[in-house]
Amino acid sequence: MSDSLALLELPELQAAQGRWADLGAGAGIPGLPLAVAMPAASVVLVESVAKKYQFLREAVIAAGVHDRVDVVCLRSEEYAAKGATGRRAFGLVLARAVGPLPVVLELAAPLAAPNGRVLISTSEQRAASEWRAA
């Protein structure tokens, strides 16, 4: 959770307007801790695995943020498809690099509104490795 809260220092996070999406939310990291820490944030946790989705629904209620944090059980490709609710709907899309950086960006970018931002969280070692490979 401390890694999630460290993101509070990033200017991109502070400058984000409108709703946020946490793509591949898993256990809710980083979206849920950030939503708790930033009471003005409106967040959608996007998770395609039903068990994780159910956990997230319960965690959102337990954290007392159910009025401004939604949980969606869809693959990002479905949620961001043309005409779908999530397409170009978010001022900020958070994603942990759970795959190669180009793939994560390809999944996250369609969720970002015009002038929105995609913030991909990964380790320094992995980022350097992928940067060299690119």
Foldseek 3Di string as FASTA:
>chain_A
DVVLVVCVPDVLVVPQDDAEEEAQCQQNPPPPVVCLVDVVYAYEYEHQDPVSLVNVVVVCVVSVNVVRYHYHRDHLCQCLPVPHPQFLRTLEYEYEPPDQPVVRCVSGVRSHHVNHYYHYDYDPVSVVVSVVVD
